[in-house]
Each structure stands twice: as C-alpha cells, then as structure tokens.
Amino acid sequence: MAPRSAPTARRLRLGAELRKLRERAGITAAEAARTLGTTQAQISNIEANRFGVSAERVRTLASIYSCPDQSLIDALAAMAADRTRGWWEEYREILPTGLLDLAELEHHAVTLRTAYTAHMPGLLQSSDHAREIIQSAVPPLSPPEVEHRLSHRIKRQTVLYRDGPTPFHTIVHEAALRMKFGGPAVARRQLQHLLDMSEHDHITIQVISFDAGTYPGSGQSVCYAEGPVPQLDTVQLDQSHGSALLDAEHQLSKYRTLLDRLEATALRPAKSRDFIHTIARHL
C-alpha cells in the first residue's frame, strides 16, 4: 500500500483515536499486530495515518481492543469510509494547512459553538468585512493571496446554507460589534448581516456587553466543533502563528465549561439582537 501524502487533520485524528483505544486496552502495538496477523510497523502506520485504513479494519481493531462504545466505533468507521474530496482541497497548494483543517472541521461538525472578542465570527462575516480583516494580515498578503483567502472564507459559510445546515451558536463581545473595520458603511452592513443571519432557526447569536465586566476566556477566540460522539469533539483556537486543534479529554471538558459560562454571561438572543440594532443605528 502506497503511503498517504499529507493526511488531513481529520485523518490524523482517526489514527490518534485508534491509538487511544489500543492504549486504553493496555495492548502494545506488537500485540495488536500479532492478533491482526500483520506487523507492528503496519499498526504504527495506521495510527499515524501514513496509510489509509478501511471501515472494516477499524471495526476489527475496535474488537481486538474490546471497545464497549458502539457509537464511537460507528463514528470512527464512518470517518474511515469517508473518502470524499472536500472543496477546500482546491486550496491545498495555495493556503496554509490550518485554514484547510478548519474548513474540514466545520464541514463535518454536528454542531458549532464559537466565542469572539475583537472579531466577527468568520462564518458570519460579510465579504467587505472579511476583505478588510484579511488585508490587515502581518506580513501583508499579495492581492492574489487576499482573493484566495477571501473566497475560502466565504465558501466556509456554506455549512450554514446547505441542506441540513449545521447548528451554529456564537458569542460576540461588544468590542467586536463596535470595530469599524472598513469604515462606518462597511461596519453597518456587517451588523445588518449579523442581524439577518440571527433570524435563521439554526443560528444563535449572543452578545457580551461591556457592562458584563470580567468574563471567562476573555482575549481569545474559540471554535468548538462537536463530532458525532463527544469523544470526537475538537477545539480550534486562532493564534498569531496559526491555528491550533485540541482534542484531549481534559481540554474538551475545559472549553465546554468555558462556553457554557460565556453563554450564561451573555445577553439572551432577543436582547442581543436589540443590542446590535442599537449599535448599528449609531454608526
């Protein structure tokens, strides 16, 4: 079998989850290989996703590891069976890998929960607003790079428009609402876009006002993508050096709690819409 070139974050996650199952069972790679009738190198290659793995083999490995969670096994088998080439692959030689991983993560998520302090959620940015953000990158991007990133960002938003759209719950701080990226006209259209999107049943927007004072997680942007089972949830963090993906159990628990507390701190959705209306009127 030929080695897989540049496995995506989703494929790497599949291999990592198979390794977790083996380690929880207290089985070494050599022992798993003997039971499966293969080599230790093959097990290592599967766990590192250097080679592809079939849904049938995933189920066989889960059986060897005596995994009792059928929902998790089914989800992992579905990941292995999914060979579709996502739209983001057309950007593979053009954009940083982290942006492609984010698009793939959002595409497969069952539910998305996000929180932002100084920026609008990428999935709810208008084209004009997104262009202003992308053009402010450091170091500066060339005009073609700006256009590639802009088209990629807009295509990411299809998860909110497709048949069976992904439920999306976002928390936006007042600071982000008052940023006048591109000037008052662009900012006003961005706020109206936010209001228009909030009317969709699958989209919930909550605002944290300045009056809320201190709140957990201030100063960072968080995207929590729920998988088909909780064990396959993923946290994505935007950082100056790029995107970071977290999936350790304690990390997932921490960010679930963080978002729960943020939602409790924020204004309810109806009051949040009124708040956004008020800011837009004064631009």
C-alpha atoms as a PDB file:
ATOM      1  CA  MET A   1       0.000   0.000   0.000  1.00  0.00           C
ATOM      2  CA  ALA A   2       1.391   3.393  -1.005  1.00  0.00           C
ATOM      3  CA  PRO A   3       1.998   5.894   1.784  1.00  0.00           C
ATOM      4  CA  ARG A   4      -0.646   8.601   2.174  1.00  0.00           C
ATOM      5  CA  SER A   5       0.634  12.067   1.270  1.00  0.00           C
ATOM      6  CA  ALA A   6      -0.182  14.966   3.600  1.00  0.00           C
ATOM      7  CA  PRO A   7      -3.016  13.410   5.637  1.00  0.00           C
ATOM      8  CA  THR A   8      -5.605  15.920   6.778  1.00  0.00           C
ATOM      9  CA  ALA A   9      -6.246  16.745  10.432  1.00  0.00           C
ATOM     10  CA  ARG A  10      -9.396  14.605  10.283  1.00  0.00           C
ATOM     11  CA  ARG A  11      -7.467  11.569   9.025  1.00  0.00           C
ATOM     12  CA  LEU A  12      -4.763  12.115  11.638  1.00  0.00           C
ATOM     13  CA  ARG A  13      -7.483  12.283  14.280  1.00  0.00           C
ATOM     14  CA  LEU A  14      -8.781   8.878  13.171  1.00  0.00           C
ATOM     15  CA  GLY A  15      -5.360   7.333  13.659  1.00  0.00           C
ATOM     16  CA  ALA A  16      -4.941   9.052  17.027  1.00  0.00           C
ATOM     17  CA  GLU A  17      -8.304   7.718  18.237  1.00  0.00           C
ATOM     18  CA  LEU A  18      -7.333   4.177  17.245  1.00  0.00           C
ATOM     19  CA  ARG A  19      -4.126   4.588  19.231  1.00  0.00           C
ATOM     20  CA  LYS A  20      -6.143   5.766  22.251  1.00  0.00           C
ATOM     21  CA  LEU A  21      -8.362   2.677  22.020  1.00  0.00           C
ATOM     22  CA  ARG A  22      -5.303   0.414  21.948  1.00  0.00           C
ATOM     23  CA  GLU A  23      -3.600   2.166  24.851  1.00  0.00           C
ATOM     24  CA  ARG A  24      -6.760   2.130  26.985  1.00  0.00           C
ATOM     25  CA  ALA A  25      -6.980  -1.599  26.391  1.00  0.00           C
ATOM     26  CA  GLY A  26      -3.397  -1.985  27.646  1.00  0.00           C
ATOM     27  CA  ILE A  27      -2.330  -3.595  24.369  1.00  0.00           C
ATOM     28  CA  THR A  28       1.012  -2.851  22.722  1.00  0.00           C
ATOM     29  CA  ALA A  29       1.351  -2.238  19.006  1.00  0.00           C
ATOM     30  CA  ALA A  30       3.256  -5.518  18.714  1.00  0.00           C
ATOM     31  CA  GLU A  31       0.439  -7.441  20.461  1.00  0.00           C
ATOM     32  CA  ALA A  32      -2.185  -5.813  18.248  1.00  0.00           C
ATOM     33  CA  ALA A  33      -0.164  -6.706  15.165  1.00  0.00           C
ATOM     34  CA  ARG A  34       0.100 -10.372  16.184  1.00  0.00           C
ATOM     35  CA  THR A  35      -3.641 -10.627  16.780  1.00  0.00           C
ATOM     36  CA  LEU A  36      -4.397  -8.912  13.487  1.00  0.00           C
ATOM     37  CA  GLY A  37      -1.841 -11.004  11.610  1.00  0.00           C
ATOM     38  CA  THR A  38       0.251  -8.074  10.458  1.00  0.00           C
ATOM     39  CA  THR A  39       3.360  -6.188  11.522  1.00  0.00           C
ATOM     40  CA  GLN A  40       3.959  -3.662  14.289  1.00  0.00           C
ATOM     41  CA  ALA A  41       5.024  -1.190  11.598  1.00  0.00           C
ATOM     42  CA  GLN A  42       1.609  -1.557   9.954  1.00  0.00           C
ATOM     43  CA  ILE A  43      -0.163  -0.713  13.227  1.00  0.00           C
ATOM     44  CA  SER A  44       2.114   2.302  13.691  1.00  0.00           C
ATOM     45  CA  ASN A  45       1.444   3.440  10.120  1.00  0.00           C
ATOM     46  CA  ILE A  46      -2.320   3.144  10.644  1.00  0.00           C
ATOM     47  CA  GLU A  47      -2.144   5.152  13.875  1.00  0.00           C
ATOM     48  CA  ALA A  48      -0.016   7.828  12.203  1.00  0.00           C
ATOM     49  CA  ASN A  49      -2.286   7.691   9.128  1.00  0.00           C
ATOM     50  CA  ARG A  50       0.659   7.155   6.835  1.00  0.00           C
ATOM     51  CA  PHE A  51      -1.547   4.514   5.207  1.00  0.00           C
ATOM     52  CA  GLY A  52      -5.313   4.584   4.835  1.00  0.00           C
ATOM     53  CA  VAL A  53      -7.489   2.289   6.912  1.00  0.00           C
ATOM     54  CA  SER A  54     -10.825   0.768   5.925  1.00  0.00           C
ATOM     55  CA  ALA A  55     -14.016   0.884   7.968  1.00  0.00           C
ATOM     56  CA  GLU A  56     -13.852  -2.914   8.282  1.00  0.00           C
ATOM     57  CA  ARG A  57     -10.342  -2.769   9.723  1.00  0.00           C
ATOM     58  CA  VAL A  58     -11.405  -0.055  12.170  1.00  0.00           C
ATOM     59  CA  ARG A  59     -14.143  -2.368  13.462  1.00  0.00           C
ATOM     60  CA  THR A  60     -11.685  -5.267  13.668  1.00  0.00           C
ATOM     61  CA  LEU A  61      -9.231  -3.189  15.688  1.00  0.00           C
ATOM     62  CA  ALA A  62     -12.017  -1.977  17.977  1.00  0.00           C
ATOM     63  CA  SER A  63     -12.976  -5.594  18.585  1.00  0.00           C
ATOM     64  CA  ILE A  64      -9.367  -6.523  19.396  1.00  0.00           C
ATOM     65  CA  TYR A  65      -9.282  -3.620  21.841  1.00  0.00           C
ATOM     66  CA  SER A  66     -12.632  -4.687  23.371  1.00  0.00           C
ATOM     67  CA  CYS A  67     -14.059  -1.191  22.895  1.00  0.00           C
ATOM     68  CA  PRO A  68     -17.540  -1.173  24.516  1.00  0.00           C
ATOM     69  CA  ASP A  69     -18.723   2.094  22.907  1.00  0.00           C
ATOM     70  CA  GLN A  70     -20.607   1.145  19.745  1.00  0.00           C
ATOM     71  CA  SER A  71     -21.441   4.775  18.918  1.00  0.00           C
ATOM     72  CA  LEU A  72     -17.742   5.652  18.926  1.00  0.00           C
ATOM     73  CA  ILE A  73     -16.885   2.608  16.799  1.00  0.00           C
ATOM     74  CA  ASP A  74     -19.568   3.539  14.261  1.00  0.00           C
ATOM     75  CA  ALA A  75     -18.303   7.140  14.124  1.00  0.00           C
ATOM     76  CA  LEU A  76     -14.695   6.035  13.593  1.00  0.00           C
ATOM     77  CA  ALA A  77     -15.762   3.578  10.898  1.00  0.00           C
ATOM     78  CA  ALA A  78     -17.681   6.358   9.160  1.00  0.00           C
ATOM     79  CA  MET A  79     -14.572   8.555   9.243  1.00  0.00           C
ATOM     80  CA  ALA A  80     -12.557   5.750   7.645  1.00  0.00           C
ATOM     81  CA  ALA A  81     -15.198   5.152   4.956  1.00  0.00           C
ATOM     82  CA  ASP A  82     -15.489   8.833   4.019  1.00  0.00           C
ATOM     83  CA  ARG A  83     -13.222   9.323   1.000  1.00  0.00           C
ATOM     84  CA  THR A  84     -14.921  12.415  -0.369  1.00  0.00           C
ATOM     85  CA  ARG A  85     -12.674  15.207  -1.592  1.00  0.00           C
ATOM     86  CA  GLY A  86     -13.834  18.423   0.047  1.00  0.00           C
ATOM     87  CA  TRP A  87     -13.980  21.753  -1.777  1.00  0.00           C
ATOM     88  CA  TRP A  88     -11.110  23.017   0.402  1.00  0.00           C
ATOM     89  CA  GLU A  89      -8.679  20.637  -1.333  1.00  0.00           C
ATOM     90  CA  GLU A  90      -8.503  23.029  -4.282  1.00  0.00           C
ATOM     91  CA  TYR A  91      -6.639  25.384  -1.930  1.00  0.00           C
ATOM     92  CA  ARG A  92      -4.118  22.791  -0.714  1.00  0.00           C
ATOM     93  CA  GLU A  93      -1.102  24.280  -2.503  1.00  0.00           C
ATOM     94  CA  ILE A  94      -2.336  27.847  -2.051  1.00  0.00           C
ATOM     95  CA  LEU A  95      -3.317  28.430   1.591  1.00  0.00           C
ATOM     96  CA  PRO A  96      -1.834  27.396   4.963  1.00  0.00           C
ATOM     97  CA  THR A  97      -2.836  23.907   6.063  1.00  0.00           C
ATOM     98  CA  GLY A  98      -4.515  25.273   9.199  1.00  0.00           C
ATOM     99  CA  LEU A  99      -7.153  27.052   7.106  1.00  0.00           C
ATOM    100  CA  LEU A 100      -7.940  23.842   5.238  1.00  0.00           C
ATOM    101  CA  ASP A 101      -8.173  21.913   8.503  1.00  0.00           C
ATOM    102  CA  LEU A 102     -10.632  24.497   9.838  1.00  0.00           C
ATOM    103  CA  ALA A 103     -12.860  24.211   6.763  1.00  0.00           C
ATOM    104  CA  GLU A 104     -12.814  20.401   7.040  1.00  0.00           C
ATOM    105  CA  LEU A 105     -13.581  20.590  10.768  1.00  0.00           C
ATOM    106  CA  GLU A 106     -16.557  22.891  10.214  1.00  0.00           C
ATOM    107  CA  HIS A 107     -17.836  20.779   7.316  1.00  0.00           C
ATOM    108  CA  HIS A 108     -18.029  17.593   9.386  1.00  0.00           C
ATOM    109  CA  ALA A 109     -19.143  19.134  12.697  1.00  0.00           C
ATOM    110  CA  VAL A 110     -22.544  18.160  14.069  1.00  0.00           C
ATOM    111  CA  THR A 111     -22.790  21.479  15.958  1.00  0.00           C
ATOM    112  CA  LEU A 112     -20.529  24.546  16.108  1.00  0.00           C
ATOM    113  CA  ARG A 113     -20.080  26.780  19.160  1.00  0.00           C
ATOM    114  CA  THR A 114     -17.804  29.820  18.947  1.00  0.00           C
ATOM    115  CA  ALA A 115     -16.782  32.851  21.006  1.00  0.00           C
ATOM    116  CA  TYR A 116     -15.083  36.039  19.781  1.00  0.00           C
ATOM    117  CA  THR A 117     -13.820  39.190  21.490  1.00  0.00           C
ATOM    118  CA  ALA A 118     -12.435  41.519  18.805  1.00  0.00           C
ATOM    119  CA  HIS A 119     -13.591  39.918  15.562  1.00  0.00           C
ATOM    120  CA  MET A 120     -16.822  38.786  13.965  1.00  0.00           C
ATOM    121  CA  PRO A 121     -17.218  35.026  13.556  1.00  0.00           C
ATOM    122  CA  GLY A 122     -15.695  34.001  10.239  1.00  0.00           C
ATOM    123  CA  LEU A 123     -18.873  32.148   9.305  1.00  0.00           C
ATOM    124  CA  LEU A 124     -20.898  35.350   9.733  1.00  0.00           C
ATOM    125  CA  GLN A 125     -18.577  37.855   8.074  1.00  0.00           C
ATOM    126  CA  SER A 126     -19.739  39.811   5.043  1.00  0.00           C
ATOM    127  CA  SER A 127     -17.398  39.880   2.042  1.00  0.00           C
ATOM    128  CA  ASP A 128     -16.447  43.522   2.608  1.00  0.00           C
ATOM    129  CA  HIS A 129     -15.737  42.972   6.300  1.00  0.00           C
ATOM    130  CA  ALA A 130     -13.742  39.795   5.620  1.00  0.00           C
ATOM    131  CA  ARG A 131     -11.642  41.575   2.996  1.00  0.00           C
ATOM    132  CA  GLU A 132     -10.714  44.310   5.471  1.00  0.00           C
ATOM    133  CA  ILE A 133      -9.609  41.705   8.044  1.00  0.00           C
ATOM    134  CA  ILE A 134      -7.595  39.681   5.536  1.00  0.00           C
ATOM    135  CA  GLN A 135      -5.873  42.759   4.115  1.00  0.00           C
ATOM    136  CA  SER A 136      -4.622  43.655   7.602  1.00  0.00           C
ATOM    137  CA  ALA A 137      -2.603  40.423   7.907  1.00  0.00           C
ATOM    138  CA  VAL A 138       1.037  40.590   9.022  1.00  0.00           C
ATOM    139  CA  PRO A 139       3.123  40.230   6.929  1.00  0.00           C
ATOM    140  CA  PRO A 140       0.993  41.797   4.179  1.00  0.00           C
ATOM    141  CA  LEU A 141      -0.560  39.433   1.649  1.00  0.00           C
ATOM    142  CA  SER A 142      -0.324  39.882  -2.099  1.00  0.00           C
ATOM    143  CA  PRO A 143      -3.564  40.703  -3.983  1.00  0.00           C
ATOM    144  CA  PRO A 144      -3.930  37.079  -5.240  1.00  0.00           C
ATOM    145  CA  GLU A 145      -3.398  35.765  -1.689  1.00  0.00           C
ATOM    146  CA  VAL A 146      -6.085  38.129  -0.396  1.00  0.00           C
ATOM    147  CA  GLU A 147      -8.535  36.877  -3.016  1.00  0.00           C
ATOM    148  CA  HIS A 148      -7.766  33.223  -2.282  1.00  0.00           C
ATOM    149  CA  ARG A 149      -8.296  33.703   1.454  1.00  0.00           C
ATOM    150  CA  LEU A 150     -11.468  35.690   0.884  1.00  0.00           C
ATOM    151  CA  SER A 151     -13.021  33.080  -1.403  1.00  0.00           C
ATOM    152  CA  HIS A 152     -12.019  30.341   1.060  1.00  0.00           C
ATOM    153  CA  ARG A 153     -13.667  32.195   3.958  1.00  0.00           C
ATOM    154  CA  ILE A 154     -16.893  32.738   2.038  1.00  0.00           C
ATOM    155  CA  LYS A 155     -17.015  29.086   0.926  1.00  0.00           C
ATOM    156  CA  ARG A 156     -16.664  28.013   4.569  1.00  0.00           C
ATOM    157  CA  GLN A 157     -20.030  29.660   5.179  1.00  0.00           C
ATOM    158  CA  THR A 158     -21.823  27.042   3.064  1.00  0.00           C
ATOM    159  CA  VAL A 159     -22.212  24.928   6.220  1.00  0.00           C
ATOM    160  CA  LEU A 160     -24.874  27.452   7.271  1.00  0.00           C
ATOM    161  CA  TYR A 161     -26.732  27.396   3.929  1.00  0.00           C
ATOM    162  CA  ARG A 162     -26.613  23.777   2.763  1.00  0.00           C
ATOM    163  CA  ASP A 163     -29.443  21.267   3.138  1.00  0.00           C
ATOM    164  CA  GLY A 164     -29.408  20.252   6.788  1.00  0.00           C
ATOM    165  CA  PRO A 165     -27.326  23.278   7.876  1.00  0.00           C
ATOM    166  CA  THR A 166     -25.027  22.944  10.863  1.00  0.00           C
ATOM    167  CA  PRO A 167     -26.463  24.406  14.099  1.00  0.00           C
ATOM    168  CA  PHE A 168     -24.301  27.405  14.962  1.00  0.00           C
ATOM    169  CA  HIS A 169     -24.180  29.147  18.353  1.00  0.00           C
ATOM    170  CA  THR A 170     -21.820  32.096  18.642  1.00  0.00           C
ATOM    171  CA  ILE A 171     -20.960  34.587  21.364  1.00  0.00           C
ATOM    172  CA  VAL A 172     -19.696  38.003  20.238  1.00  0.00           C
ATOM    173  CA  HIS A 173     -18.325  40.681  22.553  1.00  0.00           C
ATOM    174  CA  GLU A 174     -19.477  44.284  22.226  1.00  0.00           C
ATOM    175  CA  ALA A 175     -15.907  45.231  21.321  1.00  0.00           C
ATOM    176  CA  ALA A 176     -16.222  43.273  18.055  1.00  0.00           C
ATOM    177  CA  LEU A 177     -19.562  44.924  17.286  1.00  0.00           C
ATOM    178  CA  ARG A 178     -18.069  48.404  17.657  1.00  0.00           C
ATOM    179  CA  MET A 179     -14.994  47.818  15.498  1.00  0.00           C
ATOM    180  CA  LYS A 180     -15.320  49.958  12.362  1.00  0.00           C
ATOM    181  CA  PHE A 181     -13.246  47.807  10.018  1.00  0.00           C
ATOM    182  CA  GLY A 182     -13.536  49.415   6.593  1.00  0.00           C
ATOM    183  CA  GLY A 183     -15.338  52.474   7.941  1.00  0.00           C
ATOM    184  CA  PRO A 184     -18.906  53.102   9.160  1.00  0.00           C
ATOM    185  CA  ALA A 185     -20.623  51.926   5.962  1.00  0.00           C
ATOM    186  CA  VAL A 186     -18.877  48.536   5.922  1.00  0.00           C
ATOM    187  CA  ALA A 187     -19.411  48.159   9.685  1.00  0.00           C
ATOM    188  CA  ARG A 188     -23.112  48.990   9.357  1.00  0.00           C
ATOM    189  CA  ARG A 189     -23.592  46.394   6.594  1.00  0.00           C
ATOM    190  CA  GLN A 190     -21.732  43.821   8.678  1.00  0.00           C
ATOM    191  CA  LEU A 191     -24.030  44.391  11.646  1.00  0.00           C
ATOM    192  CA  GLN A 192     -27.088  44.124   9.406  1.00  0.00           C
ATOM    193  CA  HIS A 193     -25.713  40.853   8.025  1.00  0.00           C
ATOM    194  CA  LEU A 194     -25.325  39.623  11.587  1.00  0.00           C
ATOM    195  CA  LEU A 195     -28.937  40.527  12.322  1.00  0.00           C
ATOM    196  CA  ASP A 196     -30.178  38.878   9.142  1.00  0.00           C
ATOM    197  CA  MET A 197     -28.339  35.658   9.959  1.00  0.00           C
ATOM    198  CA  SER A 198     -29.687  35.668  13.520  1.00  0.00           C
ATOM    199  CA  GLU A 199     -33.182  35.191  12.101  1.00  0.00           C
ATOM    200  CA  HIS A 200     -32.331  31.660  10.962  1.00  0.00           C
ATOM    201  CA  ASP A 201     -33.560  28.971  13.342  1.00  0.00           C
ATOM    202  CA  HIS A 202     -30.218  27.126  13.324  1.00  0.00           C
ATOM    203  CA  ILE A 203     -28.166  30.236  14.180  1.00  0.00           C
ATOM    204  CA  THR A 204     -27.991  31.680  17.708  1.00  0.00           C
ATOM    205  CA  ILE A 205     -26.085  34.887  18.428  1.00  0.00           C
ATOM    206  CA  GLN A 206     -25.456  36.171  21.943  1.00  0.00           C
ATOM    207  CA  VAL A 207     -23.677  39.401  22.879  1.00  0.00           C
ATOM    208  CA  ILE A 208     -21.475  40.079  25.886  1.00  0.00           C
ATOM    209  CA  SER A 209     -21.704  43.796  26.616  1.00  0.00           C
ATOM    210  CA  PHE A 210     -19.055  45.971  28.206  1.00  0.00           C
ATOM    211  CA  ASP A 211     -21.338  46.150  31.246  1.00  0.00           C
ATOM    212  CA  ALA A 212     -20.798  42.427  31.855  1.00  0.00           C
ATOM    213  CA  GLY A 213     -17.345  43.225  33.214  1.00  0.00           C
ATOM    214  CA  THR A 214     -14.956  40.332  33.691  1.00  0.00           C
ATOM    215  CA  TYR A 215     -15.850  37.106  31.932  1.00  0.00           C
ATOM    216  CA  PRO A 216     -14.068  33.771  31.373  1.00  0.00           C
ATOM    217  CA  GLY A 217     -11.931  33.296  28.309  1.00  0.00           C
ATOM    218  CA  SER A 218     -11.552  36.997  27.535  1.00  0.00           C
ATOM    219  CA  GLY A 219      -8.993  37.771  24.862  1.00  0.00           C
ATOM    220  CA  GLN A 220      -9.238  34.543  22.864  1.00  0.00           C
ATOM    221  CA  SER A 221     -11.339  33.202  20.026  1.00  0.00           C
ATOM    222  CA  VAL A 222     -12.691  29.680  20.388  1.00  0.00           C
ATOM    223  CA  CYS A 223     -14.379  27.310  17.948  1.00  0.00           C
ATOM    224  CA  TYR A 224     -15.825  24.159  19.499  1.00  0.00           C
ATOM    225  CA  ALA A 225     -16.827  21.619  16.846  1.00  0.00           C
ATOM    226  CA  GLU A 226     -18.994  18.797  18.122  1.00  0.00           C
ATOM    227  CA  GLY A 227     -18.413  15.445  16.469  1.00  0.00           C
ATOM    228  CA  PRO A 228     -20.935  12.604  16.040  1.00  0.00           C
ATOM    229  CA  VAL A 229     -19.933  11.444  19.536  1.00  0.00           C
ATOM    230  CA  PRO A 230     -18.416  13.594  22.342  1.00  0.00           C
ATOM    231  CA  GLN A 231     -15.076  11.767  22.129  1.00  0.00           C
ATOM    232  CA  LEU A 232     -14.636  13.182  18.603  1.00  0.00           C
ATOM    233  CA  ASP A 233     -15.259  16.823  19.534  1.00  0.00           C
ATOM    234  CA  THR A 234     -12.484  19.269  18.600  1.00  0.00           C
ATOM    235  CA  VAL A 235     -11.488  22.738  19.798  1.00  0.00           C
ATOM    236  CA  GLN A 236      -9.923  25.138  17.296  1.00  0.00           C
ATOM    237  CA  LEU A 237      -8.042  28.190  18.551  1.00  0.00           C
ATOM    238  CA  ASP A 238      -6.827  31.117  16.437  1.00  0.00           C
ATOM    239  CA  GLN A 239      -3.291  32.139  17.358  1.00  0.00           C
ATOM    240  CA  SER A 240      -0.803  34.591  15.887  1.00  0.00           C
ATOM    241  CA  HIS A 241       1.320  31.766  14.480  1.00  0.00           C
ATOM    242  CA  GLY A 242      -1.663  29.853  13.076  1.00  0.00           C
ATOM    243  CA  SER A 243      -4.491  27.542  14.021  1.00  0.00           C
ATOM    244  CA  ALA A 244      -4.294  25.023  16.871  1.00  0.00           C
ATOM    245  CA  LEU A 245      -6.534  21.948  17.216  1.00  0.00           C
ATOM    246  CA  LEU A 246      -7.155  20.400  20.653  1.00  0.00           C
ATOM    247  CA  ASP A 247      -8.860  17.089  21.348  1.00  0.00           C
ATOM    248  CA  ALA A 248      -7.587  15.786  24.707  1.00  0.00           C
ATOM    249  CA  GLU A 249     -10.448  14.886  27.027  1.00  0.00           C
ATOM    250  CA  HIS A 250      -9.474  17.418  29.689  1.00  0.00           C
ATOM    251  CA  GLN A 251      -9.175  20.165  27.069  1.00  0.00           C
ATOM    252  CA  LEU A 252     -12.614  19.421  25.642  1.00  0.00           C
ATOM    253  CA  SER A 253     -14.114  19.475  29.125  1.00  0.00           C
ATOM    254  CA  LYS A 254     -12.447  22.812  29.878  1.00  0.00           C
ATOM    255  CA  TYR A 255     -13.735  24.530  26.746  1.00  0.00           C
ATOM    256  CA  ARG A 256     -17.250  23.085  27.083  1.00  0.00           C
ATOM    257  CA  THR A 257     -17.367  24.612  30.558  1.00  0.00           C
ATOM    258  CA  LEU A 258     -15.894  27.865  29.273  1.00  0.00           C
ATOM    259  CA  LEU A 259     -18.530  28.220  26.562  1.00  0.00           C
ATOM    260  CA  ASP A 260     -21.320  27.285  28.982  1.00  0.00           C
ATOM    261  CA  ARG A 261     -20.194  30.086  31.291  1.00  0.00           C
ATOM    262  CA  LEU A 262     -19.882  32.541  28.418  1.00  0.00           C
ATOM    263  CA  GLU A 263     -23.414  31.758  27.270  1.00  0.00           C
ATOM    264  CA  ALA A 264     -24.664  32.309  30.813  1.00  0.00           C
ATOM    265  CA  THR A 265     -22.854  35.676  30.935  1.00  0.00           C
ATOM    266  CA  ALA A 266     -24.075  36.907  27.538  1.00  0.00           C
ATOM    267  CA  LEU A 267     -27.377  38.596  26.788  1.00  0.00           C
ATOM    268  CA  ARG A 268     -30.159  36.304  25.644  1.00  0.00           C
ATOM    269  CA  PRO A 269     -30.558  36.067  21.819  1.00  0.00           C
ATOM    270  CA  ALA A 270     -33.516  38.504  21.593  1.00  0.00           C
ATOM    271  CA  LYS A 271     -31.778  41.119  23.735  1.00  0.00           C
ATOM    272  CA  SER A 272     -28.590  40.556  21.754  1.00  0.00           C
ATOM    273  CA  ARG A 273     -30.419  41.420  18.514  1.00  0.00           C
ATOM    274  CA  ASP A 274     -31.781  44.592  20.108  1.00  0.00           C
ATOM    275  CA  PHE A 275     -28.267  45.459  21.269  1.00  0.00           C
ATOM    276  CA  ILE A 276     -26.830  45.011  17.760  1.00  0.00           C
ATOM    277  CA  HIS A 277     -29.665  47.170  16.328  1.00  0.00           C
ATOM    278  CA  THR A 278     -28.772  49.939  18.780  1.00  0.00           C
ATOM    279  CA  ILE A 279     -25.094  49.933  17.832  1.00  0.00           C
ATOM    280  CA  ALA A 280     -25.916  49.884  14.102  1.00  0.00           C
ATOM    281  CA  ARG A 281     -28.220  52.901  14.449  1.00  0.00           C
ATOM    282  CA  HIS A 282     -25.422  54.982  15.970  1.00  0.00           C
ATOM    283  CA  LEU A 283     -22.793  54.241  13.314  1.00  0.00           C
END
